[in-house]
N, C-alpha and C. Protein backbone atom coordinates (compact mmCIF):
# COMPACT_ATOMS: atom_id res chain seq x y z
N MET A 1 -2.27 20.26 23.75
CA MET A 1 -2.67 19.09 22.98
C MET A 1 -3.43 19.55 21.74
N GLY A 2 -3.14 18.93 20.59
CA GLY A 2 -3.76 19.29 19.33
C GLY A 2 -5.09 18.59 19.11
N VAL A 3 -5.68 18.85 17.97
CA VAL A 3 -6.96 18.26 17.59
C VAL A 3 -6.69 16.98 16.82
N LYS A 4 -7.27 15.88 17.29
CA LYS A 4 -7.06 14.59 16.64
C LYS A 4 -8.06 14.41 15.51
N GLY A 5 -7.62 13.68 14.50
CA GLY A 5 -8.49 13.43 13.36
C GLY A 5 -8.19 12.09 12.72
N LYS A 6 -9.16 11.64 11.94
CA LYS A 6 -9.02 10.40 11.19
C LYS A 6 -9.73 10.63 9.86
N LEU A 7 -9.02 10.36 8.78
CA LEU A 7 -9.54 10.58 7.45
C LEU A 7 -9.36 9.28 6.67
N ILE A 8 -10.42 8.83 6.01
CA ILE A 8 -10.37 7.56 5.28
C ILE A 8 -10.86 7.80 3.86
N GLY A 9 -10.11 7.26 2.90
CA GLY A 9 -10.52 7.33 1.50
C GLY A 9 -10.25 6.00 0.83
N SER A 10 -11.19 5.57 0.01
CA SER A 10 -11.03 4.31 -0.73
C SER A 10 -11.22 4.57 -2.21
N VAL A 11 -10.52 3.79 -3.00
CA VAL A 11 -10.64 3.90 -4.45
C VAL A 11 -10.72 2.49 -5.02
N GLU A 12 -11.61 2.32 -5.99
CA GLU A 12 -11.75 1.03 -6.65
C GLU A 12 -10.56 0.82 -7.59
N VAL A 13 -10.01 -0.38 -7.54
CA VAL A 13 -8.90 -0.74 -8.43
C VAL A 13 -9.28 -2.03 -9.15
N LYS A 14 -9.41 -1.94 -10.46
CA LYS A 14 -9.87 -3.08 -11.25
C LYS A 14 -8.83 -4.20 -11.32
N CYS A 15 -7.57 -3.86 -11.09
CA CYS A 15 -6.50 -4.86 -11.16
C CYS A 15 -6.46 -5.75 -9.92
N GLY A 16 -7.15 -5.36 -8.87
CA GLY A 16 -7.17 -6.14 -7.63
C GLY A 16 -6.30 -5.50 -6.56
N GLY A 17 -6.85 -5.37 -5.37
CA GLY A 17 -6.14 -4.73 -4.26
C GLY A 17 -4.87 -5.45 -3.87
N HIS A 18 -4.85 -6.78 -4.03
CA HIS A 18 -3.65 -7.53 -3.65
C HIS A 18 -2.44 -7.13 -4.49
N LEU A 19 -2.67 -6.75 -5.75
CA LEU A 19 -1.55 -6.32 -6.61
C LEU A 19 -1.03 -4.95 -6.18
N ILE A 20 -1.93 -4.07 -5.75
CA ILE A 20 -1.51 -2.77 -5.23
C ILE A 20 -0.68 -2.98 -3.97
N HIS A 21 -1.15 -3.85 -3.08
CA HIS A 21 -0.42 -4.15 -1.85
C HIS A 21 0.98 -4.70 -2.18
N ASP A 22 1.06 -5.56 -3.18
CA ASP A 22 2.35 -6.12 -3.57
C ASP A 22 3.33 -5.03 -4.00
N ILE A 23 2.85 -4.04 -4.74
CA ILE A 23 3.72 -2.92 -5.13
C ILE A 23 4.22 -2.20 -3.89
N PHE A 24 3.33 -1.89 -2.95
CA PHE A 24 3.75 -1.16 -1.75
C PHE A 24 4.61 -2.01 -0.83
N HIS A 25 4.43 -3.31 -0.86
CA HIS A 25 5.19 -4.16 0.08
C HIS A 25 6.53 -4.61 -0.48
N THR A 26 6.58 -5.08 -1.71
CA THR A 26 7.83 -5.66 -2.21
C THR A 26 8.48 -4.88 -3.34
N LYS A 27 7.74 -3.98 -3.97
CA LYS A 27 8.28 -3.25 -5.12
C LYS A 27 8.11 -1.74 -4.95
N THR A 28 8.23 -1.29 -3.72
CA THR A 28 7.99 0.12 -3.40
C THR A 28 8.86 1.05 -4.24
N HIS A 29 10.09 0.64 -4.49
CA HIS A 29 11.02 1.48 -5.26
C HIS A 29 10.54 1.72 -6.70
N HIS A 30 9.61 0.90 -7.21
CA HIS A 30 9.07 1.09 -8.56
C HIS A 30 8.09 2.25 -8.64
N ILE A 31 7.56 2.69 -7.51
CA ILE A 31 6.54 3.74 -7.53
C ILE A 31 7.09 5.03 -8.14
N CYS A 32 8.38 5.28 -7.97
CA CYS A 32 9.00 6.49 -8.56
C CYS A 32 8.87 6.49 -10.08
N SER A 33 9.02 5.34 -10.70
CA SER A 33 8.91 5.28 -12.16
C SER A 33 7.46 5.13 -12.61
N ILE A 34 6.59 4.63 -11.75
CA ILE A 34 5.18 4.49 -12.08
C ILE A 34 4.48 5.84 -12.01
N SER A 35 4.85 6.66 -11.04
CA SER A 35 4.20 7.96 -10.82
C SER A 35 5.25 9.05 -10.62
N PRO A 36 6.09 9.29 -11.64
CA PRO A 36 7.24 10.20 -11.46
C PRO A 36 6.88 11.65 -11.21
N SER A 37 5.70 12.10 -11.63
CA SER A 37 5.35 13.50 -11.37
C SER A 37 4.95 13.70 -9.91
N LYS A 38 4.66 12.61 -9.22
CA LYS A 38 4.23 12.72 -7.83
C LYS A 38 5.30 12.23 -6.85
N ILE A 39 5.96 11.12 -7.18
CA ILE A 39 6.98 10.53 -6.30
C ILE A 39 8.33 10.64 -6.99
N GLN A 40 9.23 11.44 -6.41
CA GLN A 40 10.54 11.63 -7.01
C GLN A 40 11.56 10.60 -6.53
N ASN A 41 11.43 10.15 -5.27
CA ASN A 41 12.43 9.24 -4.74
C ASN A 41 11.85 8.44 -3.58
N PHE A 42 12.29 7.20 -3.49
CA PHE A 42 11.98 6.35 -2.35
C PHE A 42 13.26 5.61 -2.00
N GLU A 43 13.61 5.61 -0.72
CA GLU A 43 14.79 4.86 -0.31
C GLU A 43 14.58 4.25 1.07
N ILE A 44 15.17 3.11 1.25
CA ILE A 44 15.15 2.46 2.56
C ILE A 44 16.37 2.95 3.30
N GLN A 45 16.15 3.67 4.38
CA GLN A 45 17.25 4.22 5.15
C GLN A 45 17.81 3.18 6.12
N GLU A 46 16.92 2.36 6.67
CA GLU A 46 17.32 1.38 7.66
C GLU A 46 16.41 0.16 7.53
N GLY A 47 16.99 -1.03 7.55
CA GLY A 47 16.18 -2.24 7.47
C GLY A 47 16.12 -2.78 6.06
N GLU A 48 15.06 -3.53 5.79
CA GLU A 48 14.88 -4.17 4.50
C GLU A 48 13.58 -3.74 3.87
N THR A 49 13.31 -4.27 2.67
CA THR A 49 12.07 -3.95 1.97
C THR A 49 10.89 -4.10 2.90
N ILE A 50 10.22 -3.05 3.11
CA ILE A 50 9.02 -2.90 3.92
C ILE A 50 8.77 -4.04 4.91
N LYS A 51 9.58 -4.02 5.95
CA LYS A 51 9.42 -4.93 7.08
C LYS A 51 9.25 -4.08 8.34
N VAL A 52 8.61 -4.64 9.34
CA VAL A 52 8.40 -3.92 10.59
C VAL A 52 9.75 -3.42 11.12
N GLY A 53 9.79 -2.15 11.44
CA GLY A 53 11.01 -1.53 11.95
C GLY A 53 11.84 -0.84 10.88
N SER A 54 11.58 -1.11 9.60
CA SER A 54 12.31 -0.44 8.53
C SER A 54 11.99 1.05 8.53
N ILE A 55 12.98 1.86 8.22
CA ILE A 55 12.80 3.30 8.11
C ILE A 55 13.00 3.67 6.65
N VAL A 56 12.02 4.41 6.11
CA VAL A 56 12.05 4.76 4.69
C VAL A 56 11.90 6.27 4.53
N ASN A 57 12.42 6.76 3.41
CA ASN A 57 12.30 8.18 3.06
C ASN A 57 11.62 8.31 1.71
N TRP A 58 10.70 9.25 1.61
CA TRP A 58 10.01 9.57 0.37
C TRP A 58 10.30 11.02 0.02
N LYS A 59 10.52 11.30 -1.26
CA LYS A 59 10.51 12.67 -1.78
C LYS A 59 9.34 12.70 -2.75
N TYR A 60 8.43 13.66 -2.53
CA TYR A 60 7.22 13.69 -3.35
C TYR A 60 6.80 15.12 -3.64
N ASN A 61 5.94 15.28 -4.63
CA ASN A 61 5.43 16.59 -4.98
C ASN A 61 3.94 16.60 -4.70
N ASP A 62 3.56 17.34 -3.68
CA ASP A 62 2.17 17.42 -3.24
C ASP A 62 1.68 18.84 -3.42
N ASP A 63 0.64 19.00 -4.20
CA ASP A 63 0.03 20.31 -4.42
C ASP A 63 1.04 21.32 -4.99
N GLY A 64 1.93 20.82 -5.87
CA GLY A 64 2.92 21.67 -6.51
C GLY A 64 4.14 21.99 -5.68
N LYS A 65 4.26 21.37 -4.51
CA LYS A 65 5.39 21.66 -3.63
C LYS A 65 6.18 20.38 -3.37
N ASP A 66 7.52 20.48 -3.47
CA ASP A 66 8.39 19.34 -3.16
C ASP A 66 8.42 19.14 -1.65
N LYS A 67 8.22 17.90 -1.22
CA LYS A 67 8.17 17.59 0.21
C LYS A 67 8.92 16.29 0.47
N ILE A 68 9.19 16.06 1.76
CA ILE A 68 9.82 14.81 2.17
C ILE A 68 9.03 14.20 3.33
N ALA A 69 9.13 12.90 3.43
CA ALA A 69 8.52 12.19 4.56
C ALA A 69 9.45 11.06 4.97
N LYS A 70 9.71 10.97 6.24
CA LYS A 70 10.50 9.88 6.82
C LYS A 70 9.52 9.06 7.65
N GLN A 71 9.49 7.75 7.40
CA GLN A 71 8.51 6.90 8.06
C GLN A 71 9.16 5.64 8.60
N VAL A 72 8.58 5.10 9.67
CA VAL A 72 8.96 3.79 10.18
C VAL A 72 7.76 2.87 9.93
N ILE A 73 8.05 1.66 9.50
CA ILE A 73 6.99 0.68 9.28
C ILE A 73 6.62 0.09 10.64
N GLU A 74 5.40 0.33 11.08
CA GLU A 74 4.95 -0.16 12.38
C GLU A 74 4.33 -1.55 12.30
N ALA A 75 3.67 -1.86 11.19
CA ALA A 75 2.99 -3.15 11.08
C ALA A 75 2.80 -3.53 9.62
N VAL A 76 2.87 -4.82 9.36
CA VAL A 76 2.54 -5.38 8.06
C VAL A 76 1.67 -6.60 8.34
N ASP A 77 0.46 -6.61 7.78
CA ASP A 77 -0.47 -7.72 7.99
C ASP A 77 -0.79 -8.34 6.64
N PHE A 78 -0.32 -9.56 6.43
CA PHE A 78 -0.51 -10.23 5.14
C PHE A 78 -1.94 -10.77 4.99
N GLN A 79 -2.64 -10.98 6.08
CA GLN A 79 -4.03 -11.45 6.02
C GLN A 79 -4.95 -10.38 5.44
N THR A 80 -4.72 -9.14 5.86
CA THR A 80 -5.59 -8.04 5.41
C THR A 80 -4.90 -7.13 4.38
N ASN A 81 -3.70 -7.50 3.95
CA ASN A 81 -2.92 -6.67 3.01
C ASN A 81 -2.83 -5.23 3.50
N THR A 82 -2.39 -5.08 4.75
CA THR A 82 -2.31 -3.77 5.39
C THR A 82 -0.87 -3.45 5.78
N ILE A 83 -0.48 -2.20 5.56
CA ILE A 83 0.82 -1.70 6.01
C ILE A 83 0.56 -0.42 6.81
N THR A 84 1.17 -0.31 7.98
CA THR A 84 1.05 0.89 8.81
C THR A 84 2.38 1.62 8.81
N TRP A 85 2.36 2.87 8.37
CA TRP A 85 3.53 3.73 8.24
C TRP A 85 3.39 4.90 9.22
N LYS A 86 4.29 5.03 10.16
CA LYS A 86 4.26 6.17 11.10
C LYS A 86 5.28 7.20 10.63
N VAL A 87 4.82 8.43 10.45
CA VAL A 87 5.70 9.52 10.03
C VAL A 87 6.56 9.93 11.23
N ILE A 88 7.88 9.93 11.03
CA ILE A 88 8.80 10.30 12.11
C ILE A 88 9.67 11.50 11.74
N GLY A 89 9.49 12.02 10.53
CA GLY A 89 10.24 13.20 10.11
C GLY A 89 9.69 13.75 8.81
N GLY A 90 10.03 14.98 8.50
CA GLY A 90 9.61 15.58 7.24
C GLY A 90 8.55 16.64 7.39
N ASP A 91 8.01 17.05 6.25
CA ASP A 91 7.11 18.19 6.17
C ASP A 91 5.80 18.03 6.95
N LEU A 92 5.25 16.83 7.00
CA LEU A 92 3.98 16.64 7.71
C LEU A 92 4.08 17.00 9.19
N LEU A 93 5.24 16.78 9.78
CA LEU A 93 5.39 17.05 11.21
C LEU A 93 5.54 18.54 11.52
N GLU A 94 5.58 19.38 10.47
CA GLU A 94 5.52 20.82 10.71
C GLU A 94 4.09 21.24 11.08
N LEU A 95 3.10 20.47 10.59
CA LEU A 95 1.69 20.79 10.84
C LEU A 95 1.03 19.87 11.86
N TYR A 96 1.56 18.68 11.99
CA TYR A 96 0.91 17.66 12.83
C TYR A 96 1.88 17.15 13.89
N ASN A 97 1.36 16.94 15.10
CA ASN A 97 2.17 16.34 16.18
C ASN A 97 2.46 14.88 15.89
N SER A 98 1.52 14.21 15.27
CA SER A 98 1.70 12.81 14.89
C SER A 98 0.90 12.57 13.63
N PHE A 99 1.37 11.60 12.83
CA PHE A 99 0.69 11.28 11.57
C PHE A 99 1.01 9.84 11.24
N THR A 100 -0.02 9.02 11.14
CA THR A 100 0.13 7.61 10.77
C THR A 100 -0.70 7.36 9.53
N ILE A 101 -0.12 6.62 8.59
CA ILE A 101 -0.78 6.29 7.33
C ILE A 101 -0.95 4.77 7.28
N ILE A 102 -2.17 4.34 7.01
CA ILE A 102 -2.44 2.91 6.91
C ILE A 102 -2.97 2.63 5.51
N THR A 103 -2.29 1.75 4.78
CA THR A 103 -2.77 1.33 3.47
C THR A 103 -3.34 -0.08 3.64
N SER A 104 -4.51 -0.28 3.09
CA SER A 104 -5.09 -1.62 3.12
C SER A 104 -5.75 -1.89 1.77
N CYS A 105 -5.66 -3.13 1.35
CA CYS A 105 -6.15 -3.50 0.03
C CYS A 105 -6.95 -4.80 0.15
N ASP A 106 -8.12 -4.81 -0.46
CA ASP A 106 -8.89 -6.06 -0.53
C ASP A 106 -9.68 -6.10 -1.83
N HIS A 107 -9.78 -7.23 -2.38
CA HIS A 107 -10.51 -7.47 -3.62
C HIS A 107 -10.29 -6.35 -4.63
N GLN A 108 -11.25 -5.47 -4.80
CA GLN A 108 -11.17 -4.42 -5.80
C GLN A 108 -10.99 -3.03 -5.20
N TRP A 109 -10.57 -2.94 -3.93
CA TRP A 109 -10.49 -1.65 -3.26
C TRP A 109 -9.14 -1.46 -2.59
N THR A 110 -8.66 -0.23 -2.64
CA THR A 110 -7.51 0.18 -1.84
C THR A 110 -7.98 1.32 -0.95
N THR A 111 -7.70 1.20 0.34
CA THR A 111 -8.14 2.18 1.32
C THR A 111 -6.94 2.81 1.99
N TRP A 112 -6.99 4.12 2.14
CA TRP A 112 -5.97 4.88 2.85
C TRP A 112 -6.62 5.49 4.09
N THR A 113 -5.98 5.30 5.22
CA THR A 113 -6.45 5.87 6.47
C THR A 113 -5.35 6.74 7.05
N PHE A 114 -5.68 7.98 7.36
CA PHE A 114 -4.75 8.90 8.03
C PHE A 114 -5.25 9.09 9.46
N VAL A 115 -4.39 8.85 10.42
CA VAL A 115 -4.69 9.13 11.83
C VAL A 115 -3.67 10.17 12.26
N TYR A 116 -4.15 11.31 12.74
CA TYR A 116 -3.24 12.42 12.98
C TYR A 116 -3.71 13.28 14.14
N GLU A 117 -2.77 14.11 14.60
CA GLU A 117 -3.07 15.12 15.60
C GLU A 117 -2.51 16.44 15.10
N LYS A 118 -3.41 17.38 14.82
CA LYS A 118 -3.01 18.69 14.33
C LYS A 118 -2.38 19.48 15.48
N LYS A 119 -1.37 20.31 15.14
CA LYS A 119 -0.73 21.13 16.17
C LYS A 119 -1.66 22.21 16.70
N THR A 120 -2.50 22.75 15.82
CA THR A 120 -3.49 23.75 16.24
C THR A 120 -4.79 23.49 15.48
N GLU A 121 -5.87 24.07 15.98
CA GLU A 121 -7.18 23.87 15.37
C GLU A 121 -7.27 24.40 13.95
N ASP A 122 -6.49 25.45 13.63
CA ASP A 122 -6.61 26.07 12.31
C ASP A 122 -5.82 25.35 11.22
N ILE A 123 -5.09 24.30 11.56
CA ILE A 123 -4.39 23.48 10.55
C ILE A 123 -5.46 22.77 9.73
N PRO A 124 -5.36 22.79 8.40
CA PRO A 124 -6.39 22.13 7.59
C PRO A 124 -6.32 20.61 7.71
N GLU A 125 -7.45 19.99 7.43
CA GLU A 125 -7.48 18.54 7.35
C GLU A 125 -6.62 18.14 6.13
N PRO A 126 -5.97 16.98 6.16
CA PRO A 126 -5.07 16.60 5.06
C PRO A 126 -5.81 16.06 3.82
N LEU A 127 -6.80 16.81 3.35
CA LEU A 127 -7.59 16.38 2.20
C LEU A 127 -6.78 16.36 0.91
N VAL A 128 -5.90 17.35 0.74
CA VAL A 128 -5.07 17.40 -0.47
C VAL A 128 -4.15 16.17 -0.50
N LEU A 129 -3.58 15.82 0.64
CA LEU A 129 -2.71 14.65 0.71
C LEU A 129 -3.50 13.37 0.43
N LEU A 130 -4.73 13.29 0.90
CA LEU A 130 -5.56 12.12 0.61
C LEU A 130 -5.81 12.00 -0.89
N GLY A 131 -6.13 13.11 -1.54
CA GLY A 131 -6.30 13.10 -2.99
C GLY A 131 -5.02 12.67 -3.69
N PHE A 132 -3.89 13.13 -3.17
CA PHE A 132 -2.59 12.77 -3.73
C PHE A 132 -2.37 11.26 -3.71
N VAL A 133 -2.58 10.61 -2.55
CA VAL A 133 -2.31 9.17 -2.45
C VAL A 133 -3.32 8.37 -3.27
N LEU A 134 -4.55 8.87 -3.39
CA LEU A 134 -5.53 8.19 -4.24
C LEU A 134 -5.11 8.27 -5.71
N HIS A 135 -4.55 9.41 -6.13
CA HIS A 135 -4.05 9.53 -7.50
C HIS A 135 -2.86 8.62 -7.74
N VAL A 136 -1.96 8.52 -6.77
CA VAL A 136 -0.82 7.59 -6.91
C VAL A 136 -1.34 6.15 -7.05
N THR A 137 -2.37 5.81 -6.28
CA THR A 137 -2.97 4.47 -6.37
C THR A 137 -3.50 4.23 -7.78
N LYS A 138 -4.17 5.22 -8.35
CA LYS A 138 -4.70 5.07 -9.71
C LYS A 138 -3.56 4.98 -10.73
N ASP A 139 -2.45 5.69 -10.50
CA ASP A 139 -1.28 5.55 -11.38
C ASP A 139 -0.75 4.11 -11.34
N ILE A 140 -0.70 3.55 -10.14
CA ILE A 140 -0.23 2.16 -9.99
C ILE A 140 -1.18 1.21 -10.69
N GLU A 141 -2.48 1.44 -10.53
CA GLU A 141 -3.47 0.60 -11.22
C GLU A 141 -3.27 0.66 -12.73
N GLY A 142 -3.07 1.86 -13.26
CA GLY A 142 -2.83 2.01 -14.69
C GLY A 142 -1.59 1.27 -15.14
N HIS A 143 -0.55 1.32 -14.36
CA HIS A 143 0.69 0.60 -14.67
C HIS A 143 0.45 -0.91 -14.67
N LEU A 144 -0.27 -1.41 -13.70
CA LEU A 144 -0.52 -2.85 -13.59
C LEU A 144 -1.49 -3.35 -14.66
N SER A 145 -2.32 -2.46 -15.20
CA SER A 145 -3.30 -2.85 -16.22
C SER A 145 -2.69 -2.93 -17.60
N LYS A 146 -1.48 -2.44 -17.77
CA LYS A 146 -0.83 -2.46 -19.11
C LYS A 146 -0.48 -3.87 -19.53
């Protein structure tokens, strides 16, 4: 059994958290053009636009390396503007037995929560990935502020 962890990061967004949530929920495919140096591709493999049970694929550049992530949408909560994405394939599962990403947005804040289980104790905490998603959030904010 690996070492479990939880990492939470929040960033203030002047455009309003509900607008960030809207991009992730209904306009996810726009993120590639909003943040092209970080997100190269997004596609829905199975299902519809971010609905529970949908399977999505991301191609992204994290820390100078091209990576992929395959995720299933586990939950969408419109009251709290929260989406839960469980990683089911890709680069993260080389280091982690499980990895779940929760995005939540309220008023002027967007929060990212990573819940994971490292395969071994010497696997680093996903701090670089947290910085990455916070930067993507700021790219989206910049796009929405135009």
